[in-house]
Amino acid sequence: LLPFYHVIGEVKDNDLSGKVAINYSVSENHSLFYSLSNGHNSGGYNGGYLSSPEQAMLADYGPEELIANEVGGKFVNDSNSLKVNWSLFHYDYKNQQVFMNQPSLVAGAPPIQLLENVADSKIYGADIELKHQFSKPIQLSLGLSYIPHAEFEEFIDPLGNKLTNNRLPFTSEVNLNGAISYQTQLESIISLNMSLGFDYQSDYFFDQNQNELANQASYTLWYFNSQLRYEDYALKFWAKNLFDEEYSHLKFDLSSFLGMLEDFKGEGRRVGLEFSYNF
C-alpha cells in the first residue's frame, strides 16, 4: 500500500581476481615470501526508501578494485621455542567503497548513511607476531600492527568537501595484542590452562570528515581464560573486558539535525562460568 519499493534495477559486475606468490627457504629455520594479488568488490545499492529512479541512481555505488603487495618472513629457532612472523604490505584501492555519514543538502534534514566510492586510496604498514615458550608451562605471545598511512589520495564528497589525505574511517595507526599462558599437568588426570591477554587500539575516526565528535580515543581491553580438567569433567572460567573499559564501536554526529551525538557503546565487563562433562 505504500508508494515505495517499486523501483526495479540491477547491478552486474564481472571481474577476475588472482594471486602470485613466491616462497624462498633461506635455511631450515628461516623463510621469506612475496605475494601480488588483486581483488574486486561488486557494486550495489545503499538500502533505503527508493521511490524513484533518480533516488536509485543516487544510492548506487560502483565496484572497487584492490592491488595488494606483501613481503614477509617466518623464523623458528632450533629448539622450536621461538616463532616470529612478519610482513610489510601495500594496498592500492581504486574506487574504494567507504561507509560515510553524509550531511543532508537540506538544512535541518537528517544526515544520510551511505556507501560512496572514493577515487583512490592507499594503505601501507607492517605486521609482526612473536611467540616464545619460556619454559614448558609458560608461553608469551605478542602481535603488533603499524599502519602509518591509510588515506584518501583524492576525494571530494557529494557536497563538495575536499577530503583528500583524510584518514580512512575505523583505521587505527597502532594495534597491539599480547597474552601470557600457563599450562600444567597437576596430576596424570588433572590439567590446568590459564591465559591473561590484552588488545590495544590507538585512536581512530568513525567518519570520513575526521570529526572530533565521531572519534574514539585509544583503549585497551583485557581478558582472562582458564580451564581445569579432571578426567571427563571440565570447569571453565572466563572474563572479557576485565577492567570494564568504556569505549564505542560506532558514533554518528547528528548535531546538525537533532543537536545530539548517536553513540553505540562497546561491550562492558562480562564473566562466565561453564561446566561440562563428556559421557
Protein backbone atom coordinates (compact mmCIF):
# COMPACT_ATOMS: atom_id res chain seq x y z
CA LEU A 1 0.00 0.00 0.00
CA LEU A 2 2.99 2.31 0.36
CA PRO A 3 4.33 4.05 -2.74
CA PHE A 4 7.86 2.74 -2.14
CA TYR A 5 9.99 -0.14 -3.31
CA HIS A 6 8.61 -0.06 -6.83
CA VAL A 7 11.95 0.84 -8.42
CA ILE A 8 13.37 -2.07 -10.41
CA GLY A 9 17.10 -2.17 -11.02
CA GLU A 10 20.04 -4.47 -11.32
CA VAL A 11 23.80 -4.32 -10.78
CA LYS A 12 26.13 -6.74 -12.55
CA ASP A 13 29.90 -6.86 -12.13
CA ASN A 14 32.23 -9.39 -13.72
CA ASP A 15 35.92 -9.45 -12.90
CA LEU A 16 38.82 -11.81 -12.37
CA SER A 17 41.00 -11.98 -9.28
CA GLY A 18 44.18 -13.92 -8.69
CA LYS A 19 47.37 -14.28 -6.72
CA VAL A 20 51.02 -14.99 -7.45
CA ALA A 21 53.34 -15.88 -4.56
CA ILE A 22 56.99 -16.84 -4.22
CA ASN A 23 58.35 -18.67 -1.16
CA TYR A 24 62.08 -18.90 -0.56
CA SER A 25 63.72 -21.03 2.15
CA VAL A 26 66.79 -19.23 3.44
CA SER A 27 67.52 -22.09 5.83
CA GLU A 28 65.69 -24.77 7.79
CA ASN A 29 64.74 -22.09 10.31
CA HIS A 30 64.06 -19.09 8.10
CA SER A 31 61.89 -18.48 5.02
CA LEU A 32 60.82 -15.43 3.01
CA PHE A 33 57.82 -14.78 0.77
CA TYR A 34 56.44 -12.25 -1.68
CA SER A 35 52.88 -12.12 -3.00
CA LEU A 36 50.99 -10.00 -5.51
CA SER A 37 47.22 -10.29 -5.63
CA ASN A 38 44.22 -8.40 -6.88
CA GLY A 39 40.66 -8.41 -5.66
CA HIS A 40 37.29 -6.96 -6.63
CA ASN A 41 34.22 -5.99 -4.62
CA SER A 42 31.00 -5.67 -6.61
CA GLY A 43 28.83 -2.58 -6.65
CA GLY A 44 25.29 -2.35 -5.31
CA TYR A 45 22.61 -0.13 -3.83
CA ASN A 46 22.67 1.53 -0.43
CA GLY A 47 19.37 0.32 1.06
CA GLY A 48 16.52 2.69 1.89
CA TYR A 49 13.29 4.09 0.55
CA LEU A 50 13.99 4.18 -3.18
CA SER A 51 10.80 5.76 -4.53
CA SER A 52 12.14 6.93 -7.89
CA PRO A 53 14.79 6.00 -10.44
CA GLU A 54 16.58 9.24 -9.53
CA GLN A 55 16.91 8.13 -5.90
CA ALA A 56 18.19 4.75 -7.04
CA MET A 57 20.90 6.44 -9.12
CA LEU A 58 21.99 8.46 -6.08
CA ALA A 59 22.01 5.33 -3.89
CA ASP A 60 24.10 3.09 -6.12
CA TYR A 61 27.84 2.57 -5.76
CA GLY A 62 30.31 1.01 -8.14
CA PRO A 63 32.77 -1.87 -7.79
CA GLU A 64 36.15 -1.42 -6.13
CA GLU A 65 39.50 -2.91 -7.10
CA LEU A 66 42.45 -3.76 -4.87
CA ILE A 67 46.07 -4.44 -5.80
CA ALA A 68 47.90 -5.92 -2.79
CA ASN A 69 51.66 -6.36 -2.39
CA GLU A 70 53.10 -8.23 0.58
CA VAL A 71 56.60 -9.30 1.56
CA GLY A 72 57.47 -11.10 4.77
CA GLY A 73 59.14 -13.98 6.50
CA LYS A 74 58.95 -16.71 9.12
CA PHE A 75 61.60 -17.73 11.62
CA VAL A 76 61.75 -20.64 14.08
CA ASN A 77 64.76 -21.30 16.31
CA ASP A 78 66.41 -24.72 16.66
CA SER A 79 64.57 -25.64 19.85
CA ASN A 80 61.20 -24.53 18.39
CA SER A 81 60.67 -22.28 21.43
CA LEU A 82 60.68 -19.01 19.43
CA LYS A 83 58.50 -18.29 16.40
CA VAL A 84 58.46 -14.98 14.52
CA ASN A 85 56.19 -13.99 11.61
CA TRP A 86 56.48 -10.59 9.93
CA SER A 87 55.20 -8.82 6.83
CA LEU A 88 55.21 -5.47 5.05
CA PHE A 89 52.13 -4.65 3.00
CA HIS A 90 50.94 -2.09 0.48
CA TYR A 91 47.27 -1.95 -0.59
CA ASP A 92 46.26 0.21 -3.54
CA TYR A 93 42.49 0.73 -3.87
CA LYS A 94 40.68 2.08 -6.91
CA ASN A 95 37.11 3.35 -6.36
CA GLN A 96 37.18 2.04 -2.79
CA GLN A 97 33.76 1.65 -1.17
CA VAL A 98 33.72 3.71 2.04
CA PHE A 99 30.89 3.98 4.58
CA MET A 100 30.04 7.63 5.25
CA ASN A 101 27.84 9.75 7.47
CA GLN A 102 26.87 12.42 4.92
CA PRO A 103 25.10 15.67 5.99
CA SER A 104 21.96 16.45 4.01
CA LEU A 105 21.81 19.16 1.36
CA VAL A 106 18.56 20.30 3.02
CA ALA A 107 19.05 22.35 6.21
CA GLY A 108 17.61 20.60 9.28
CA ALA A 109 17.14 17.29 7.48
CA PRO A 110 18.70 14.12 8.90
CA PRO A 111 22.13 13.05 7.66
CA ILE A 112 22.44 10.08 5.33
CA GLN A 113 24.45 6.92 5.99
CA LEU A 114 25.68 5.68 2.65
CA LEU A 115 28.38 3.83 0.76
CA GLU A 116 30.39 6.01 -1.59
CA ASN A 117 33.24 5.31 -3.99
CA VAL A 118 36.41 7.31 -3.44
CA ALA A 119 38.67 7.80 -6.43
CA ASP A 120 41.81 6.33 -4.92
CA SER A 121 43.21 5.35 -1.54
CA LYS A 122 46.36 3.68 -0.30
CA ILE A 123 47.19 1.73 2.84
CA TYR A 124 50.63 0.54 3.85
CA GLY A 125 52.20 -0.73 7.04
CA ALA A 126 53.78 -3.66 8.84
CA ASP A 127 52.78 -6.65 10.99
CA ILE A 128 54.86 -8.74 13.34
CA GLU A 129 53.91 -11.68 15.56
CA LEU A 130 56.12 -13.32 18.17
CA LYS A 131 55.56 -16.47 20.25
CA HIS A 132 58.06 -17.57 22.85
CA GLN A 133 57.93 -20.66 25.07
CA PHE A 134 59.85 -19.57 28.17
CA SER A 135 59.54 -22.96 29.79
CA LYS A 136 57.26 -25.93 29.38
CA PRO A 137 54.29 -24.36 31.23
CA ILE A 138 54.66 -20.66 30.22
CA GLN A 139 54.23 -19.13 26.76
CA LEU A 140 54.26 -15.46 25.74
CA SER A 141 52.72 -14.12 22.53
CA LEU A 142 52.88 -10.56 21.15
CA GLY A 143 51.48 -9.02 17.99
CA LEU A 144 51.96 -5.54 16.54
CA SER A 145 50.36 -3.89 13.53
CA TYR A 146 51.52 -0.44 12.42
CA ILE A 147 49.65 1.46 9.69
CA PRO A 148 51.27 4.89 9.24
CA HIS A 149 49.38 5.61 6.02
CA ALA A 150 45.69 4.90 5.32
CA GLU A 151 44.33 7.88 3.42
CA PHE A 152 42.12 9.08 0.60
CA GLU A 153 44.58 10.01 -2.11
CA GLU A 154 41.96 12.06 -3.95
CA PHE A 155 38.32 12.54 -2.99
CA ILE A 156 35.65 15.26 -2.98
CA ASP A 157 32.37 14.24 -1.35
CA PRO A 158 28.88 14.82 -2.86
CA LEU A 159 28.63 18.17 -1.01
CA GLY A 160 31.90 19.43 -2.48
CA ASN A 161 34.02 18.96 0.66
CA LYS A 162 37.64 18.12 -0.16
CA LEU A 163 38.64 15.05 1.85
CA THR A 164 41.93 14.31 0.09
CA ASN A 165 44.56 12.99 2.55
CA ASN A 166 41.92 12.35 5.25
CA ARG A 167 42.46 9.10 7.11
CA LEU A 168 40.14 6.19 6.35
CA PRO A 169 37.40 5.59 8.96
CA PHE A 170 37.89 2.78 11.52
CA THR A 171 41.64 2.64 10.80
CA SER A 172 43.82 2.99 13.90
CA GLU A 173 47.53 3.57 13.43
CA VAL A 174 48.72 1.09 16.06
CA ASN A 175 47.18 -2.24 17.09
CA LEU A 176 48.91 -4.27 19.77
CA ASN A 177 47.91 -7.56 21.37
CA GLY A 178 49.58 -9.93 23.77
CA ALA A 179 48.96 -12.83 26.09
CA ILE A 180 50.76 -14.93 28.67
CA SER A 181 49.62 -18.52 29.03
CA TYR A 182 50.27 -21.13 31.68
CA GLN A 183 49.65 -24.84 31.15
CA THR A 184 50.47 -27.59 33.58
CA GLN A 185 49.58 -31.14 34.48
CA LEU A 186 48.80 -31.20 38.20
CA GLU A 187 48.49 -34.95 38.23
CA SER A 188 48.24 -37.54 35.49
CA ILE A 189 44.49 -36.92 35.16
CA ILE A 190 44.25 -33.23 36.13
CA SER A 191 45.29 -30.36 33.84
CA LEU A 192 45.14 -26.57 34.27
CA ASN A 193 45.25 -23.95 31.48
CA MET A 194 45.20 -20.19 32.12
CA SER A 195 45.80 -17.15 29.93
CA LEU A 196 45.77 -13.40 30.51
CA GLY A 197 45.81 -11.13 27.46
CA PHE A 198 45.03 -7.71 26.05
CA ASP A 199 44.10 -5.93 22.81
CA TYR A 200 45.09 -2.28 22.28
CA GLN A 201 43.93 0.13 19.58
CA SER A 202 45.15 3.68 19.06
CA ASP A 203 42.61 6.41 18.32
CA TYR A 204 40.59 6.49 15.08
CA PHE A 205 37.66 8.28 13.46
CA PHE A 206 34.24 6.83 12.67
CA ASP A 207 33.62 9.02 9.63
CA GLN A 208 35.49 10.43 6.68
CA ASN A 209 35.34 14.05 7.90
CA GLN A 210 37.70 13.38 10.85
CA ASN A 211 35.04 14.86 13.10
CA GLU A 212 36.18 15.11 16.72
CA LEU A 213 32.65 14.25 17.84
CA ALA A 214 32.95 10.96 15.95
CA ASN A 215 36.32 9.94 17.34
CA GLN A 216 37.36 7.01 19.50
CA ALA A 217 40.32 7.57 21.81
CA SER A 218 42.87 4.80 22.24
CA TYR A 219 41.82 1.99 24.58
CA THR A 220 42.90 -1.43 25.87
CA LEU A 221 40.69 -4.44 26.54
CA TRP A 222 41.94 -7.20 28.86
CA TYR A 223 40.63 -10.76 29.01
CA PHE A 224 41.20 -13.88 31.13
CA ASN A 225 40.55 -17.55 30.32
CA SER A 226 41.05 -20.63 32.48
CA GLN A 227 40.14 -24.29 32.34
CA LEU A 228 40.50 -27.02 34.93
CA ARG A 229 40.03 -30.54 33.55
CA TYR A 230 39.68 -33.76 35.55
CA GLU A 231 39.11 -36.92 33.53
CA ASP A 232 35.83 -36.23 31.66
CA TYR A 233 34.92 -33.14 33.71
CA ALA A 234 35.89 -29.59 32.73
CA LEU A 235 35.37 -26.29 34.55
CA LYS A 236 35.94 -23.05 32.65
CA PHE A 237 36.06 -19.50 33.96
CA TRP A 238 36.45 -16.52 31.61
CA ALA A 239 36.23 -12.75 31.72
CA LYS A 240 36.01 -10.24 28.84
CA ASN A 241 36.83 -6.52 29.18
CA LEU A 242 38.28 -7.39 32.55
CA PHE A 243 38.65 -3.78 33.78
CA ASP A 244 35.30 -2.60 32.37
CA GLU A 245 36.85 -0.18 29.85
CA GLU A 246 34.32 2.22 28.30
CA TYR A 247 34.60 2.58 24.53
CA SER A 248 32.40 2.97 21.45
CA HIS A 249 32.18 0.79 18.37
CA LEU A 250 30.14 3.29 16.32
CA LYS A 251 29.31 7.01 16.50
CA PHE A 252 27.23 9.35 14.34
CA ASP A 253 27.37 13.14 14.61
CA LEU A 254 23.72 14.29 14.44
CA SER A 255 24.35 17.76 15.86
CA SER A 256 23.15 19.50 12.67
CA PHE A 257 19.86 17.56 12.77
CA LEU A 258 18.86 16.80 16.35
CA GLY A 259 21.67 18.51 18.24
CA MET A 260 22.90 15.19 19.58
CA LEU A 261 25.54 12.51 19.20
CA GLU A 262 24.46 8.93 18.48
CA ASP A 263 26.87 6.67 20.35
CA PHE A 264 26.83 2.86 20.29
CA LYS A 265 28.83 1.69 23.30
CA GLY A 266 31.08 -1.34 23.24
CA GLU A 267 30.51 -4.37 25.42
CA GLY A 268 31.25 -3.90 29.13
CA ARG A 269 32.75 -6.43 31.52
CA ARG A 270 31.38 -9.96 31.19
CA VAL A 271 32.31 -13.00 33.25
CA GLY A 272 31.27 -16.58 32.74
CA LEU A 273 31.47 -19.98 34.40
CA GLU A 274 30.99 -23.15 32.38
CA PHE A 275 30.83 -26.78 33.42
CA SER A 276 30.93 -29.70 31.01
CA TYR A 277 31.03 -33.48 31.19
CA ASN A 278 31.80 -35.90 28.37
CA PHE A 279 29.74 -39.09 28.59
